[in-house]
Amino acid sequence: DLQKKQTQRSVFRCNILGAQGSGKSGFLQAFLGRNLQRQRRIREDHKSFYAINTTYVYGQEKYLLLHEVMPDVDFLSETELSCDVVCLVYDINNPSSFEYCAKVYKQYFIDSKTPCVVIAAKSDLYDVRQHYSLSPHDFCRKHKLHPPQPFTCNTADAPSKDIYTRLTTMAMYPHMAQADLKNSTFWLRASLGATVFAVLGFAMYRALLKQR
């Protein structure tokens, strides 16, 4: 039973790595509900390399802490490598962007037990061919990773939080095989728990309003 095997922790850390301009900051800010338009209004001195917010897996409230790591493929400290799940972000519109993700994965995470997810950022833009020996999809297939997950914060409303639920789920179940993580039923069960929790919360809120 997956639920019995999960960790009892409630806070998980996700480190975000990627080349300069790949979309790391946008991915981090989107977790706080900020789309691209809102992000552009944030002053540079008010930006943070950290963001924390709640996610729900099987209806359980968990906290996910995102940490944007500065791009330096030649040296990553133990702190920058220590986390529960890793996001490797590349810009689908920049042909040189994915190479950094591939190098970081092969240098630091290929033999690690830390779950890794490749994020195909700026997915609203044109997907160009990457200047790397393998395409992102082929690279992920070769190393038994998830296919690149498309993501954009260029949305009319708050960006979708589905990917953050997935990251939290992977952090909770690091022992799971990649084949299980690709199982659509598994993701459906996890996300349904979050949906049910949200619906119940809204119903309770309406009930409280009626009592006033």
Protein backbone atom coordinates (compact mmCIF):
# COMPACT_ATOMS: atom_id res chain seq x y z
CA ASP A 1 0.00 0.00 0.00
CA LEU A 2 1.60 3.24 -1.16
CA GLN A 3 0.05 5.33 1.59
CA LYS A 4 1.58 3.12 4.30
CA LYS A 5 5.04 3.45 2.74
CA GLN A 6 5.04 7.23 2.59
CA THR A 7 7.15 9.36 4.90
CA GLN A 8 5.47 11.09 7.84
CA ARG A 9 7.29 14.34 7.13
CA SER A 10 5.25 17.37 6.14
CA VAL A 11 7.97 19.62 4.64
CA PHE A 12 9.94 18.74 1.51
CA ARG A 13 12.68 20.59 -0.32
CA CYS A 14 12.98 20.89 -4.09
CA ASN A 15 16.11 22.38 -5.64
CA ILE A 16 15.66 24.07 -9.02
CA LEU A 17 18.63 23.95 -11.39
CA GLY A 18 19.01 25.27 -14.90
CA ALA A 19 21.03 27.54 -17.15
CA GLN A 20 20.79 31.32 -16.93
CA GLY A 21 17.46 32.50 -18.32
CA SER A 22 15.95 29.01 -18.44
CA GLY A 23 12.87 29.95 -16.44
CA LYS A 24 13.87 28.94 -12.90
CA SER A 25 12.66 32.18 -11.30
CA GLY A 26 9.37 32.03 -13.18
CA PHE A 27 8.83 28.45 -12.02
CA LEU A 28 9.53 29.44 -8.42
CA GLN A 29 7.28 32.51 -8.47
CA ALA A 30 4.46 30.57 -10.17
CA PHE A 31 4.31 28.33 -7.10
CA LEU A 32 3.13 31.43 -5.21
CA GLY A 33 0.33 31.94 -7.73
CA ARG A 34 2.08 34.67 -9.73
CA ASN A 35 1.76 34.58 -13.50
CA LEU A 36 4.27 36.27 -15.80
CA GLN A 37 2.45 39.60 -15.72
CA ARG A 38 2.55 39.75 -11.91
CA GLN A 39 6.16 38.58 -11.83
CA ARG A 40 7.26 41.48 -14.02
CA ARG A 41 6.03 43.91 -11.38
CA ILE A 42 8.32 42.48 -8.68
CA ARG A 43 11.33 44.67 -7.96
CA GLU A 44 14.71 42.97 -8.33
CA ASP A 45 15.62 43.62 -4.68
CA HIS A 46 12.34 41.98 -3.60
CA LYS A 47 12.96 38.72 -5.46
CA SER A 48 13.89 35.63 -3.48
CA PHE A 49 15.64 32.38 -4.29
CA TYR A 50 13.18 30.56 -2.03
CA ALA A 51 9.42 29.97 -2.04
CA ILE A 52 7.26 27.81 0.20
CA ASN A 53 3.62 26.88 -0.26
CA THR A 54 1.16 24.11 0.48
CA THR A 55 0.34 21.18 -1.76
CA TYR A 56 -2.09 18.32 -1.20
CA VAL A 57 -1.30 14.67 -1.84
CA TYR A 58 -4.04 12.12 -1.12
CA GLY A 59 -5.84 14.96 0.65
CA GLN A 60 -2.95 15.49 3.06
CA GLU A 61 -1.52 18.98 3.43
CA LYS A 62 2.22 19.14 2.76
CA TYR A 63 4.68 22.00 2.43
CA LEU A 64 7.03 22.24 -0.53
CA LEU A 65 10.08 24.51 -0.26
CA LEU A 66 11.56 25.54 -3.60
CA HIS A 67 15.17 26.73 -3.78
CA GLU A 68 16.54 28.29 -6.96
CA VAL A 69 20.21 27.31 -7.32
CA MET A 70 22.56 29.65 -9.16
CA PRO A 71 23.92 28.04 -12.36
CA ASP A 72 27.44 26.68 -11.88
CA VAL A 73 27.87 23.22 -13.35
CA ASP A 74 31.47 22.93 -12.11
CA PHE A 75 30.69 23.39 -8.43
CA LEU A 76 27.53 22.64 -6.50
CA SER A 77 27.80 22.62 -2.71
CA GLU A 78 26.36 19.92 -0.46
CA THR A 79 23.56 22.33 0.46
CA GLU A 80 22.68 22.83 -3.20
CA LEU A 81 22.66 19.07 -3.75
CA SER A 82 20.81 18.17 -0.56
CA CYS A 83 17.07 18.00 -1.23
CA ASP A 84 14.14 15.60 -1.61
CA VAL A 85 13.51 16.17 -5.31
CA VAL A 86 15.35 17.99 -8.12
CA CYS A 87 13.94 20.13 -10.94
CA LEU A 88 16.10 20.48 -14.04
CA VAL A 89 14.67 23.43 -15.95
CA TYR A 90 15.38 24.29 -19.58
CA ASP A 91 13.95 26.87 -21.98
CA ILE A 92 12.31 25.10 -24.94
CA ASN A 93 12.87 28.22 -27.07
CA ASN A 94 16.64 28.37 -26.44
CA PRO A 95 18.62 25.69 -28.34
CA SER A 96 21.52 25.84 -25.85
CA SER A 97 19.43 25.54 -22.69
CA PHE A 98 19.05 21.79 -22.22
CA GLU A 99 22.77 21.01 -22.32
CA TYR A 100 23.20 22.44 -18.82
CA CYS A 101 20.49 20.13 -17.44
CA ALA A 102 22.10 17.10 -19.06
CA LYS A 103 25.55 17.96 -17.68
CA VAL A 104 24.26 18.58 -14.16
CA TYR A 105 22.28 15.34 -14.14
CA LYS A 106 25.22 13.24 -15.40
CA GLN A 107 27.70 14.89 -13.04
CA TYR A 108 25.68 14.94 -9.83
CA PHE A 109 22.47 12.90 -10.00
CA ILE A 110 22.90 9.95 -12.35
CA ASP A 111 23.79 7.65 -9.44
CA SER A 112 21.74 9.51 -6.85
CA LYS A 113 18.54 8.22 -5.27
CA THR A 114 17.08 11.74 -5.35
CA PRO A 115 14.13 11.89 -7.79
CA CYS A 116 14.73 14.22 -10.75
CA VAL A 117 12.19 15.91 -13.00
CA VAL A 118 12.97 17.75 -16.24
CA ILE A 119 10.84 20.88 -16.70
CA ALA A 120 10.30 22.13 -20.27
CA ALA A 121 9.79 25.79 -19.34
CA LYS A 122 8.22 28.54 -21.44
CA SER A 123 6.04 25.93 -23.13
CA ASP A 124 3.89 28.69 -24.64
CA LEU A 125 6.80 29.46 -26.99
CA TYR A 126 8.05 27.56 -30.05
CA ASP A 127 9.89 24.34 -29.18
CA VAL A 128 13.27 24.51 -30.96
CA ARG A 129 15.75 21.68 -31.49
CA GLN A 130 18.27 21.54 -28.65
CA HIS A 131 22.01 21.59 -29.43
CA TYR A 132 22.71 18.37 -27.59
CA SER A 133 23.47 14.84 -28.75
CA LEU A 134 20.09 13.61 -27.47
CA SER A 135 16.74 15.35 -27.52
CA PRO A 136 15.28 16.05 -24.05
CA HIS A 137 12.73 13.25 -24.56
CA ASP A 138 15.40 10.75 -25.65
CA PHE A 139 17.66 11.79 -22.76
CA CYS A 140 14.86 11.19 -20.25
CA ARG A 141 14.02 7.84 -21.85
CA LYS A 142 17.67 6.74 -21.74
CA HIS A 143 18.02 7.61 -18.06
CA LYS A 144 14.55 6.35 -17.09
CA LEU A 145 13.25 9.77 -16.11
CA HIS A 146 9.83 11.27 -16.63
CA PRO A 147 9.34 12.81 -20.07
CA PRO A 148 9.98 16.58 -19.90
CA GLN A 149 7.07 18.26 -18.14
CA PRO A 150 5.77 21.32 -20.09
CA PHE A 151 5.32 24.43 -17.98
CA THR A 152 4.52 28.10 -18.53
CA CYS A 153 3.75 30.98 -16.20
CA ASN A 154 2.51 33.08 -19.15
CA THR A 155 -1.14 32.50 -18.24
CA ALA A 156 -4.18 34.72 -17.77
CA ASP A 157 -4.81 33.46 -14.25
CA ALA A 158 -2.58 31.86 -11.64
CA PRO A 159 -0.40 29.11 -13.17
CA SER A 160 -1.40 25.49 -12.64
CA LYS A 161 -0.09 23.84 -9.46
CA ASP A 162 -0.28 20.29 -10.82
CA ILE A 163 3.47 20.00 -11.33
CA TYR A 164 4.13 21.02 -7.72
CA THR A 165 1.78 18.28 -6.52
CA ARG A 166 3.79 15.84 -8.62
CA LEU A 167 7.05 17.07 -7.13
CA THR A 168 5.72 16.66 -3.60
CA THR A 169 4.44 13.19 -4.44
CA MET A 170 7.85 12.16 -5.76
CA ALA A 171 9.50 13.54 -2.63
CA MET A 172 7.08 11.53 -0.49
CA TYR A 173 7.70 8.30 -2.44
CA PRO A 174 11.41 8.35 -3.42
CA HIS A 175 11.52 4.53 -3.21
CA MET A 176 9.05 4.15 -6.06
CA ALA A 177 10.20 2.92 -9.46
CA GLN A 178 9.95 5.36 -12.36
CA ALA A 179 7.52 2.98 -14.03
CA ASP A 180 5.11 3.44 -11.13
CA LEU A 181 5.51 7.20 -11.22
CA LYS A 182 4.48 7.22 -14.88
CA ASN A 183 1.30 5.35 -14.01
CA SER A 184 -1.61 7.67 -14.75
CA THR A 185 -3.77 5.99 -12.09
CA PHE A 186 -1.19 6.85 -9.43
CA TRP A 187 -1.21 10.55 -10.37
CA LEU A 188 -4.99 10.56 -10.63
CA ARG A 189 -5.33 9.21 -7.10
CA ALA A 190 -2.89 11.77 -5.72
CA SER A 191 -4.50 14.74 -7.48
CA LEU A 192 -8.03 13.56 -6.67
CA GLY A 193 -7.11 13.69 -3.02
CA ALA A 194 -6.18 17.34 -3.44
CA THR A 195 -9.42 18.06 -5.33
CA VAL A 196 -11.61 16.40 -2.71
CA PHE A 197 -9.82 18.31 0.03
CA ALA A 198 -10.41 21.63 -1.77
CA VAL A 199 -14.12 20.87 -2.37
CA LEU A 200 -14.67 19.94 1.28
CA GLY A 201 -12.89 23.11 2.38
CA PHE A 202 -15.14 25.24 0.17
CA ALA A 203 -18.26 23.49 1.49
CA MET A 204 -17.20 24.15 5.08
CA TYR A 205 -16.52 27.79 4.22
CA ARG A 206 -20.05 28.21 2.78
CA ALA A 207 -21.57 26.51 5.81
CA LEU A 208 -19.78 28.92 8.13
CA LEU A 209 -21.03 31.89 6.12
CA LYS A 210 -24.64 30.69 6.46
CA GLN A 211 -24.27 30.48 10.24
CA ARG A 212 -23.35 34.16 10.48
